[in-house]
């Protein structure tokens, strides 16, 4: 076993996650948790079930007015969520 230079855990952890296939699920989890931070507590209060499938975020909301508002601004929301996570996690948003 050959010893290399000392590396910081912050360098090793992302590479290890990528190699073990955990990077995508971790980014999806972070994006779901970012919903309240990016859109605010008011939107969070009207939000029900959320999940990601095939790079599409599905969100159930209890207010028809909020549903319409989110659908009109979905491109901006997708961009802001991906930017918050610093990765391209979702490409589309569906509000039910």
PDB file of N, CA and C in Angstrom:
ATOM      1  N   UNK A   1       0.839  -1.175   0.000  1.00  0.00           N
ATOM      2  CA  UNK A   1       0.000   0.000   0.000  1.00  0.00           C
ATOM      3  C   UNK A   1       0.885   1.239   0.000  1.00  0.00           C
ATOM      4  N   UNK A   2       0.678   2.057  -0.968  1.00  0.00           N
ATOM      5  CA  UNK A   2       1.491   3.256  -1.110  1.00  0.00           C
ATOM      6  C   UNK A   2       0.781   4.438  -0.452  1.00  0.00           C
ATOM      7  N   UNK A   3       1.522   5.166   0.325  1.00  0.00           N
ATOM      8  CA  UNK A   3       0.949   6.329   1.002  1.00  0.00           C
ATOM      9  C   UNK A   3       1.096   7.555   0.118  1.00  0.00           C
ATOM     10  N   UNK A   4       0.021   8.295   0.048  1.00  0.00           N
ATOM     11  CA  UNK A   4       0.044   9.536  -0.703  1.00  0.00           C
ATOM     12  C   UNK A   4       0.046  10.704   0.256  1.00  0.00           C
ATOM     13  N   UNK A   5      -0.179  11.843  -0.265  1.00  0.00           N
ATOM     14  CA  UNK A   5      -0.260  13.025   0.570  1.00  0.00           C
ATOM     15  C   UNK A   5      -1.535  13.000   1.408  1.00  0.00           C
ATOM     16  N   UNK A   6      -1.550  13.777   2.409  1.00  0.00           N
ATOM     17  CA  UNK A   6      -2.709  13.876   3.285  1.00  0.00           C
ATOM     18  C   UNK A   6      -3.757  14.730   2.580  1.00  0.00           C
ATOM     19  N   UNK A   7      -4.991  14.223   2.566  1.00  0.00           N
ATOM     20  CA  UNK A   7      -6.096  14.950   1.933  1.00  0.00           C
ATOM     21  C   UNK A   7      -7.161  15.254   2.978  1.00  0.00           C
ATOM     22  N   UNK A   8      -7.807  16.366   2.778  1.00  0.00           N
ATOM     23  CA  UNK A   8      -8.879  16.769   3.684  1.00  0.00           C
ATOM     24  C   UNK A   8     -10.112  15.918   3.422  1.00  0.00           C
ATOM     25  N   UNK A   9     -10.900  15.711   4.461  1.00  0.00           N
ATOM     26  CA  UNK A   9     -12.130  14.928   4.322  1.00  0.00           C
ATOM     27  C   UNK A   9     -13.082  15.587   3.332  1.00  0.00           C
ATOM     28  N   UNK A  10     -13.036  16.921   3.231  1.00  0.00           N
ATOM     29  CA  UNK A  10     -13.901  17.637   2.293  1.00  0.00           C
ATOM     30  C   UNK A  10     -13.555  17.312   0.843  1.00  0.00           C
ATOM     31  N   UNK A  11     -12.365  16.835   0.572  1.00  0.00           N
ATOM     32  CA  UNK A  11     -11.982  16.403  -0.769  1.00  0.00           C
ATOM     33  C   UNK A  11     -12.377  14.946  -1.008  1.00  0.00           C
ATOM     34  N   UNK A  12     -12.266  14.131   0.024  1.00  0.00           N
ATOM     35  CA  UNK A  12     -12.515  12.704  -0.112  1.00  0.00           C
ATOM     36  C   UNK A  12     -13.997  12.340  -0.122  1.00  0.00           C
ATOM     37  N   UNK A  13     -14.792  13.034   0.668  1.00  0.00           N
ATOM     38  CA  UNK A  13     -16.194  12.674   0.814  1.00  0.00           C
ATOM     39  C   UNK A  13     -16.990  12.777  -0.489  1.00  0.00           C
ATOM     40  N   UNK A  14     -16.910  13.873  -1.254  1.00  0.00           N
ATOM     41  CA  UNK A  14     -17.667  13.919  -2.509  1.00  0.00           C
ATOM     42  C   UNK A  14     -17.270  12.818  -3.492  1.00  0.00           C
ATOM     43  N   UNK A  15     -15.991  12.530  -3.589  1.00  0.00           N
ATOM     44  CA  UNK A  15     -15.540  11.483  -4.502  1.00  0.00           C
ATOM     45  C   UNK A  15     -16.047  10.111  -4.046  1.00  0.00           C
ATOM     46  N   UNK A  16     -16.036   9.868  -2.753  1.00  0.00           N
ATOM     47  CA  UNK A  16     -16.522   8.600  -2.214  1.00  0.00           C
ATOM     48  C   UNK A  16     -18.023   8.445  -2.456  1.00  0.00           C
ATOM     49  N   UNK A  17     -18.777   9.504  -2.249  1.00  0.00           N
ATOM     50  CA  UNK A  17     -20.223   9.462  -2.507  1.00  0.00           C
ATOM     51  C   UNK A  17     -20.503   9.190  -3.977  1.00  0.00           C
ATOM     52  N   UNK A  18     -19.768   9.828  -4.856  1.00  0.00           N
ATOM     53  CA  UNK A  18     -19.942   9.639  -6.293  1.00  0.00           C
ATOM     54  C   UNK A  18     -19.642   8.202  -6.695  1.00  0.00           C
ATOM     55  N   UNK A  19     -18.545   7.657  -6.185  1.00  0.00           N
ATOM     56  CA  UNK A  19     -18.139   6.296  -6.528  1.00  0.00           C
ATOM     57  C   UNK A  19     -19.118   5.248  -6.001  1.00  0.00           C
ATOM     58  N   UNK A  20     -19.714   5.498  -4.849  1.00  0.00           N
ATOM     59  CA  UNK A  20     -20.622   4.528  -4.256  1.00  0.00           C
ATOM     60  C   UNK A  20     -22.073   4.713  -4.700  1.00  0.00           C
ATOM     61  N   UNK A  21     -22.347   5.710  -5.553  1.00  0.00           N
ATOM     62  CA  UNK A  21     -23.697   5.929  -6.055  1.00  0.00           C
ATOM     63  C   UNK A  21     -24.615   6.662  -5.106  1.00  0.00           C
ATOM     64  N   UNK A  22     -24.056   7.365  -4.143  1.00  0.00           N
ATOM     65  CA  UNK A  22     -24.865   8.084  -3.159  1.00  0.00           C
ATOM     66  C   UNK A  22     -25.026   9.568  -3.463  1.00  0.00           C
ATOM     67  N   UNK A  23     -24.341  10.053  -4.465  1.00  0.00           N
ATOM     68  CA  UNK A  23     -24.380  11.487  -4.741  1.00  0.00           C
ATOM     69  C   UNK A  23     -25.776  11.949  -5.165  1.00  0.00           C
ATOM     70  N   UNK A  24     -26.412  11.231  -6.079  1.00  0.00           N
ATOM     71  CA  UNK A  24     -27.739  11.630  -6.557  1.00  0.00           C
ATOM     72  C   UNK A  24     -28.788  11.568  -5.456  1.00  0.00           C
ATOM     73  N   UNK A  25     -28.909  10.463  -4.707  1.00  0.00           N
ATOM     74  CA  UNK A  25     -29.896  10.466  -3.621  1.00  0.00           C
ATOM     75  C   UNK A  25     -29.639  11.539  -2.561  1.00  0.00           C
ATOM     76  N   UNK A  26     -28.391  11.811  -2.291  1.00  0.00           N
ATOM     77  CA  UNK A  26     -28.055  12.850  -1.319  1.00  0.00           C
ATOM     78  C   UNK A  26     -28.474  14.226  -1.822  1.00  0.00           C
ATOM     79  N   UNK A  27     -28.219  14.508  -3.097  1.00  0.00           N
ATOM     80  CA  UNK A  27     -28.635  15.790  -3.677  1.00  0.00           C
ATOM     81  C   UNK A  27     -30.159  15.912  -3.720  1.00  0.00           C
ATOM     82  N   UNK A  28     -30.852  14.815  -4.008  1.00  0.00           N
ATOM     83  CA  UNK A  28     -32.316  14.847  -4.008  1.00  0.00           C
ATOM     84  C   UNK A  28     -32.850  15.144  -2.608  1.00  0.00           C
ATOM     85  N   UNK A  29     -32.271  14.526  -1.603  1.00  0.00           N
ATOM     86  CA  UNK A  29     -32.674  14.779  -0.219  1.00  0.00           C
ATOM     87  C   UNK A  29     -32.438  16.245   0.145  1.00  0.00           C
ATOM     88  N   UNK A  30     -31.280  16.767  -0.227  1.00  0.00           N
ATOM     89  CA  UNK A  30     -30.963  18.164   0.076  1.00  0.00           C
ATOM     90  C   UNK A  30     -31.934  19.109  -0.622  1.00  0.00           C
ATOM     91  N   UNK A  31     -32.329  18.779  -1.859  1.00  0.00           N
ATOM     92  CA  UNK A  31     -33.256  19.624  -2.605  1.00  0.00           C
ATOM     93  C   UNK A  31     -34.636  19.623  -1.948  1.00  0.00           C
ATOM     94  N   UNK A  32     -35.114  18.471  -1.513  1.00  0.00           N
ATOM     95  CA  UNK A  32     -36.414  18.413  -0.833  1.00  0.00           C
ATOM     96  C   UNK A  32     -36.400  19.225   0.454  1.00  0.00           C
ATOM     97  N   UNK A  33     -35.298  19.166   1.181  1.00  0.00           N
ATOM     98  CA  UNK A  33     -35.177  19.950   2.414  1.00  0.00           C
ATOM     99  C   UNK A  33     -35.051  21.444   2.121  1.00  0.00           C
ATOM    100  N   UNK A  34     -34.574  21.801   0.941  1.00  0.00           N
ATOM    101  CA  UNK A  34     -34.382  23.207   0.580  1.00  0.00           C
ATOM    102  C   UNK A  34     -35.693  23.897   0.200  1.00  0.00           C
ATOM    103  N   UNK A  35     -36.748  23.134  -0.045  1.00  0.00           N
ATOM    104  CA  UNK A  35     -38.030  23.700  -0.487  1.00  0.00           C
ATOM    105  C   UNK A  35     -38.496  24.822   0.437  1.00  0.00           C
ATOM    106  N   UNK A  36     -38.523  24.581   1.725  1.00  0.00           N
ATOM    107  CA  UNK A  36     -38.999  25.588   2.687  1.00  0.00           C
ATOM    108  C   UNK A  36     -38.063  26.787   2.735  1.00  0.00           C
ATOM    109  N   UNK A  37     -36.769  26.544   2.628  1.00  0.00           N
ATOM    110  CA  UNK A  37     -35.810  27.649   2.691  1.00  0.00           C
ATOM    111  C   UNK A  37     -35.905  28.536   1.453  1.00  0.00           C
ATOM    112  N   UNK A  38     -36.038  27.941   0.293  1.00  0.00           N
ATOM    113  CA  UNK A  38     -36.061  28.701  -0.962  1.00  0.00           C
ATOM    114  C   UNK A  38     -37.399  29.408  -1.156  1.00  0.00           C
ATOM    115  N   UNK A  39     -38.502  28.737  -0.834  1.00  0.00           N
ATOM    116  CA  UNK A  39     -39.824  29.302  -1.108  1.00  0.00           C
ATOM    117  C   UNK A  39     -40.500  29.932   0.105  1.00  0.00           C
ATOM    118  N   UNK A  40     -39.981  29.684   1.287  1.00  0.00           N
ATOM    119  CA  UNK A  40     -40.524  30.330   2.473  1.00  0.00           C
ATOM    120  C   UNK A  40     -41.464  29.446   3.271  1.00  0.00           C
ATOM    121  N   UNK A  41     -41.690  29.854   4.499  1.00  0.00           N
ATOM    122  CA  UNK A  41     -42.514  29.089   5.430  1.00  0.00           C
ATOM    123  C   UNK A  41     -43.988  29.060   5.024  1.00  0.00           C
ATOM    124  N   UNK A  42     -44.479  30.132   4.417  1.00  0.00           N
ATOM    125  CA  UNK A  42     -45.886  30.175   4.017  1.00  0.00           C
ATOM    126  C   UNK A  42     -46.183  29.091   2.990  1.00  0.00           C
ATOM    127  N   UNK A  43     -45.326  28.969   1.990  1.00  0.00           N
ATOM    128  CA  UNK A  43     -45.500  27.934   0.972  1.00  0.00           C
ATOM    129  C   UNK A  43     -45.356  26.555   1.617  1.00  0.00           C
ATOM    130  N   UNK A  44     -44.427  26.414   2.531  1.00  0.00           N
ATOM    131  CA  UNK A  44     -44.218  25.138   3.220  1.00  0.00           C
ATOM    132  C   UNK A  44     -45.481  24.696   3.960  1.00  0.00           C
ATOM    133  N   UNK A  45     -46.199  25.646   4.547  1.00  0.00           N
ATOM    134  CA  UNK A  45     -47.404  25.316   5.296  1.00  0.00           C
ATOM    135  C   UNK A  45     -48.511  24.742   4.406  1.00  0.00           C
ATOM    136  N   UNK A  46     -48.521  25.088   3.131  1.00  0.00           N
ATOM    137  CA  UNK A  46     -49.521  24.578   2.195  1.00  0.00           C
ATOM    138  C   UNK A  46     -49.012  23.387   1.384  1.00  0.00           C
ATOM    139  N   UNK A  47     -47.795  22.932   1.675  1.00  0.00           N
ATOM    140  CA  UNK A  47     -47.174  21.851   0.917  1.00  0.00           C
ATOM    141  C   UNK A  47     -47.395  20.524   1.621  1.00  0.00           C
ATOM    142  N   UNK A  48     -47.794  19.533   0.827  1.00  0.00           N
ATOM    143  CA  UNK A  48     -47.974  18.181   1.356  1.00  0.00           C
ATOM    144  C   UNK A  48     -46.837  17.292   0.889  1.00  0.00           C
ATOM    145  N   UNK A  49     -47.189  16.194   0.252  1.00  0.00           N
ATOM    146  CA  UNK A  49     -46.212  15.210  -0.204  1.00  0.00           C
ATOM    147  C   UNK A  49     -45.334  15.774  -1.323  1.00  0.00           C
ATOM    148  N   UNK A  50     -44.055  15.460  -1.242  1.00  0.00           N
ATOM    149  CA  UNK A  50     -43.088  15.860  -2.273  1.00  0.00           C
ATOM    150  C   UNK A  50     -42.185  14.677  -2.562  1.00  0.00           C
ATOM    151  N   UNK A  51     -41.903  14.452  -3.850  1.00  0.00           N
ATOM    152  CA  UNK A  51     -40.948  13.415  -4.228  1.00  0.00           C
ATOM    153  C   UNK A  51     -40.357  13.739  -5.585  1.00  0.00           C
ATOM    154  N   UNK A  52     -39.221  13.122  -5.869  1.00  0.00           N
ATOM    155  CA  UNK A  52     -38.516  13.331  -7.131  1.00  0.00           C
ATOM    156  C   UNK A  52     -38.479  12.011  -7.878  1.00  0.00           C
ATOM    157  N   UNK A  53     -38.860  12.060  -9.151  1.00  0.00           N
ATOM    158  CA  UNK A  53     -38.813  10.876 -10.010  1.00  0.00           C
ATOM    159  C   UNK A  53     -38.409  11.326 -11.411  1.00  0.00           C
ATOM    160  N   UNK A  54     -37.371  10.724 -11.949  1.00  0.00           N
ATOM    161  CA  UNK A  54     -36.874  11.040 -13.290  1.00  0.00           C
ATOM    162  C   UNK A  54     -36.609  12.533 -13.476  1.00  0.00           C
ATOM    163  N   UNK A  55     -35.922  13.125 -12.559  1.00  0.00           N
ATOM    164  CA  UNK A  55     -35.543  14.543 -12.549  1.00  0.00           C
ATOM    165  C   UNK A  55     -36.741  15.489 -12.569  1.00  0.00           C
ATOM    166  N   UNK A  56     -37.891  15.026 -12.081  1.00  0.00           N
ATOM    167  CA  UNK A  56     -39.077  15.858 -11.956  1.00  0.00           C
ATOM    168  C   UNK A  56     -39.489  15.887 -10.493  1.00  0.00           C
ATOM    169  N   UNK A  57     -39.670  17.082  -9.968  1.00  0.00           N
ATOM    170  CA  UNK A  57     -40.128  17.263  -8.594  1.00  0.00           C
ATOM    171  C   UNK A  57     -41.650  17.345  -8.605  1.00  0.00           C
ATOM    172  N   UNK A  58     -42.294  16.430  -7.901  1.00  0.00           N
ATOM    173  CA  UNK A  58     -43.750  16.414  -7.759  1.00  0.00           C
ATOM    174  C   UNK A  58     -44.094  16.956  -6.383  1.00  0.00           C
ATOM    175  N   UNK A  59     -44.968  17.958  -6.352  1.00  0.00           N
ATOM    176  CA  UNK A  59     -45.338  18.615  -5.102  1.00  0.00           C
ATOM    177  C   UNK A  59     -46.859  18.687  -5.021  1.00  0.00           C
ATOM    178  N   UNK A  60     -47.389  18.274  -3.890  1.00  0.00           N
ATOM    179  CA  UNK A  60     -48.821  18.388  -3.642  1.00  0.00           C
ATOM    180  C   UNK A  60     -49.050  19.602  -2.744  1.00  0.00           C
ATOM    181  N   UNK A  61     -49.903  20.522  -3.201  1.00  0.00           N
ATOM    182  CA  UNK A  61     -50.243  21.698  -2.386  1.00  0.00           C
ATOM    183  C   UNK A  61     -51.746  21.710  -2.138  1.00  0.00           C
ATOM    184  N   UNK A  62     -52.139  22.314  -1.019  1.00  0.00           N
ATOM    185  CA  UNK A  62     -53.542  22.322  -0.618  1.00  0.00           C
ATOM    186  C   UNK A  62     -54.296  23.570  -1.066  1.00  0.00           C
ATOM    187  N   UNK A  63     -53.623  24.503  -1.704  1.00  0.00           N
ATOM    188  CA  UNK A  63     -54.254  25.741  -2.137  1.00  0.00           C
ATOM    189  C   UNK A  63     -54.211  25.835  -3.666  1.00  0.00           C
ATOM    190  N   UNK A  64     -55.374  26.018  -4.273  1.00  0.00           N
ATOM    191  CA  UNK A  64     -55.424  26.126  -5.735  1.00  0.00           C
ATOM    192  C   UNK A  64     -54.763  27.414  -6.233  1.00  0.00           C
ATOM    193  N   UNK A  65     -54.858  28.464  -5.448  1.00  0.00           N
ATOM    194  CA  UNK A  65     -54.221  29.730  -5.817  1.00  0.00           C
ATOM    195  C   UNK A  65     -52.696  29.580  -5.809  1.00  0.00           C
ATOM    196  N   UNK A  66     -52.180  28.946  -4.767  1.00  0.00           N
ATOM    197  CA  UNK A  66     -50.750  28.700  -4.676  1.00  0.00           C
ATOM    198  C   UNK A  66     -50.293  27.760  -5.787  1.00  0.00           C
ATOM    199  N   UNK A  67     -51.099  26.753  -6.111  1.00  0.00           N
ATOM    200  CA  UNK A  67     -50.768  25.825  -7.187  1.00  0.00           C
ATOM    201  C   UNK A  67     -50.562  26.581  -8.499  1.00  0.00           C
ATOM    202  N   UNK A  68     -51.473  27.482  -8.805  1.00  0.00           N
ATOM    203  CA  UNK A  68     -51.368  28.270 -10.035  1.00  0.00           C
ATOM    204  C   UNK A  68     -50.128  29.156 -10.025  1.00  0.00           C
ATOM    205  N   UNK A  69     -49.861  29.783  -8.898  1.00  0.00           N
ATOM    206  CA  UNK A  69     -48.686  30.655  -8.757  1.00  0.00           C
ATOM    207  C   UNK A  69     -47.392  29.867  -8.960  1.00  0.00           C
ATOM    208  N   UNK A  70     -47.313  28.689  -8.362  1.00  0.00           N
ATOM    209  CA  UNK A  70     -46.114  27.863  -8.499  1.00  0.00           C
ATOM    210  C   UNK A  70     -45.939  27.382  -9.938  1.00  0.00           C
ATOM    211  N   UNK A  71     -47.025  27.024 -10.590  1.00  0.00           N
ATOM    212  CA  UNK A  71     -46.920  26.545 -11.973  1.00  0.00           C
ATOM    213  C   UNK A  71     -46.468  27.671 -12.917  1.00  0.00           C
ATOM    214  N   UNK A  72     -46.923  28.890 -12.663  1.00  0.00           N
ATOM    215  CA  UNK A  72     -46.513  30.004 -13.521  1.00  0.00           C
ATOM    216  C   UNK A  72     -45.028  30.328 -13.333  1.00  0.00           C
ATOM    217  N   UNK A  73     -44.487  30.048 -12.165  1.00  0.00           N
ATOM    218  CA  UNK A  73     -43.092  30.376 -11.860  1.00  0.00           C
ATOM    219  C   UNK A  73     -42.208  29.141 -11.766  1.00  0.00           C
ATOM    220  N   UNK A  74     -42.599  28.035 -12.381  1.00  0.00           N
ATOM    221  CA  UNK A  74     -41.865  26.782 -12.186  1.00  0.00           C
ATOM    222  C   UNK A  74     -40.443  26.820 -12.712  1.00  0.00           C
ATOM    223  N   UNK A  75     -40.178  27.498 -13.805  1.00  0.00           N
ATOM    224  CA  UNK A  75     -38.796  27.579 -14.316  1.00  0.00           C
ATOM    225  C   UNK A  75     -37.882  28.276 -13.315  1.00  0.00           C
ATOM    226  N   UNK A  76     -38.359  29.359 -12.754  1.00  0.00           N
ATOM    227  CA  UNK A  76     -37.581  30.088 -11.754  1.00  0.00           C
ATOM    228  C   UNK A  76     -37.369  29.242 -10.505  1.00  0.00           C
ATOM    229  N   UNK A  77     -38.398  28.530 -10.091  1.00  0.00           N
ATOM    230  CA  UNK A  77     -38.300  27.690  -8.894  1.00  0.00           C
ATOM    231  C   UNK A  77     -37.295  26.568  -9.113  1.00  0.00           C
ATOM    232  N   UNK A  78     -37.361  25.911 -10.274  1.00  0.00           N
ATOM    233  CA  UNK A  78     -36.413  24.832 -10.593  1.00  0.00           C
ATOM    234  C   UNK A  78     -34.992  25.368 -10.567  1.00  0.00           C
ATOM    235  N   UNK A  79     -34.794  26.526 -11.172  1.00  0.00           N
ATOM    236  CA  UNK A  79     -33.460  27.133 -11.208  1.00  0.00           C
ATOM    237  C   UNK A  79     -32.973  27.449  -9.792  1.00  0.00           C
ATOM    238  N   UNK A  80     -33.821  28.053  -8.974  1.00  0.00           N
ATOM    239  CA  UNK A  80     -33.416  28.435  -7.617  1.00  0.00           C
ATOM    240  C   UNK A  80     -33.121  27.225  -6.740  1.00  0.00           C
ATOM    241  N   UNK A  81     -33.915  26.166  -6.873  1.00  0.00           N
ATOM    242  CA  UNK A  81     -33.671  24.963  -6.084  1.00  0.00           C
ATOM    243  C   UNK A  81     -32.357  24.297  -6.486  1.00  0.00           C
ATOM    244  N   UNK A  82     -32.125  24.157  -7.792  1.00  0.00           N
ATOM    245  CA  UNK A  82     -30.868  23.566  -8.263  1.00  0.00           C
ATOM    246  C   UNK A  82     -29.674  24.419  -7.846  1.00  0.00           C
ATOM    247  N   UNK A  83     -29.839  25.718  -7.910  1.00  0.00           N
ATOM    248  CA  UNK A  83     -28.766  26.628  -7.516  1.00  0.00           C
ATOM    249  C   UNK A  83     -28.459  26.494  -6.019  1.00  0.00           C
ATOM    250  N   UNK A  84     -29.490  26.321  -5.216  1.00  0.00           N
ATOM    251  CA  UNK A  84     -29.296  26.164  -3.769  1.00  0.00           C
ATOM    252  C   UNK A  84     -28.511  24.894  -3.446  1.00  0.00           C
ATOM    253  N   UNK A  85     -28.813  23.818  -4.166  1.00  0.00           N
ATOM    254  CA  UNK A  85     -28.137  22.537  -3.940  1.00  0.00           C
ATOM    255  C   UNK A  85     -26.775  22.497  -4.640  1.00  0.00           C
ATOM    256  N   UNK A  86     -26.566  23.399  -5.585  1.00  0.00           N
ATOM    257  CA  UNK A  86     -25.324  23.468  -6.368  1.00  0.00           C
ATOM    258  C   UNK A  86     -25.126  22.222  -7.220  1.00  0.00           C
ATOM    259  N   UNK A  87     -26.248  21.737  -7.779  1.00  0.00           N
ATOM    260  CA  UNK A  87     -26.204  20.587  -8.679  1.00  0.00           C
ATOM    261  C   UNK A  87     -27.476  20.589  -9.519  1.00  0.00           C
ATOM    262  N   UNK A  88     -27.413  19.977 -10.690  1.00  0.00           N
ATOM    263  CA  UNK A  88     -28.587  19.847 -11.554  1.00  0.00           C
ATOM    264  C   UNK A  88     -29.346  18.597 -11.126  1.00  0.00           C
ATOM    265  N   UNK A  89     -30.275  18.771 -10.181  1.00  0.00           N
ATOM    266  CA  UNK A  89     -31.011  17.641  -9.608  1.00  0.00           C
ATOM    267  C   UNK A  89     -32.346  17.445 -10.321  1.00  0.00           C
ATOM    268  N   UNK A  90     -33.060  18.543 -10.568  1.00  0.00           N
ATOM    269  CA  UNK A  90     -34.363  18.445 -11.227  1.00  0.00           C
ATOM    270  C   UNK A  90     -34.371  19.287 -12.500  1.00  0.00           C
ATOM    271  N   UNK A  91     -35.232  18.872 -13.432  1.00  0.00           N
ATOM    272  CA  UNK A  91     -35.373  19.606 -14.680  1.00  0.00           C
ATOM    273  C   UNK A  91     -36.791  20.149 -14.839  1.00  0.00           C
ATOM    274  N   UNK A  92     -37.730  19.640 -14.033  1.00  0.00           N
ATOM    275  CA  UNK A  92     -39.111  20.044 -14.168  1.00  0.00           C
ATOM    276  C   UNK A  92     -39.801  20.014 -12.798  1.00  0.00           C
ATOM    277  N   UNK A  93     -40.918  20.732 -12.717  1.00  0.00           N
ATOM    278  CA  UNK A  93     -41.711  20.800 -11.498  1.00  0.00           C
ATOM    279  C   UNK A  93     -43.164  20.550 -11.861  1.00  0.00           C
ATOM    280  N   UNK A  94     -43.794  19.621 -11.162  1.00  0.00           N
ATOM    281  CA  UNK A  94     -45.223  19.339 -11.345  1.00  0.00           C
ATOM    282  C   UNK A  94     -45.902  19.602 -10.004  1.00  0.00           C
ATOM    283  N   UNK A  95     -46.914  20.467 -10.038  1.00  0.00           N
ATOM    284  CA  UNK A  95     -47.639  20.808  -8.817  1.00  0.00           C
ATOM    285  C   UNK A  95     -49.035  20.214  -8.926  1.00  0.00           C
ATOM    286  N   UNK A  96     -49.394  19.403  -7.959  1.00  0.00           N
ATOM    287  CA  UNK A  96     -50.706  18.734  -7.952  1.00  0.00           C
ATOM    288  C   UNK A  96     -51.598  19.383  -6.930  1.00  0.00           C
TER     289      UNK A  96
END
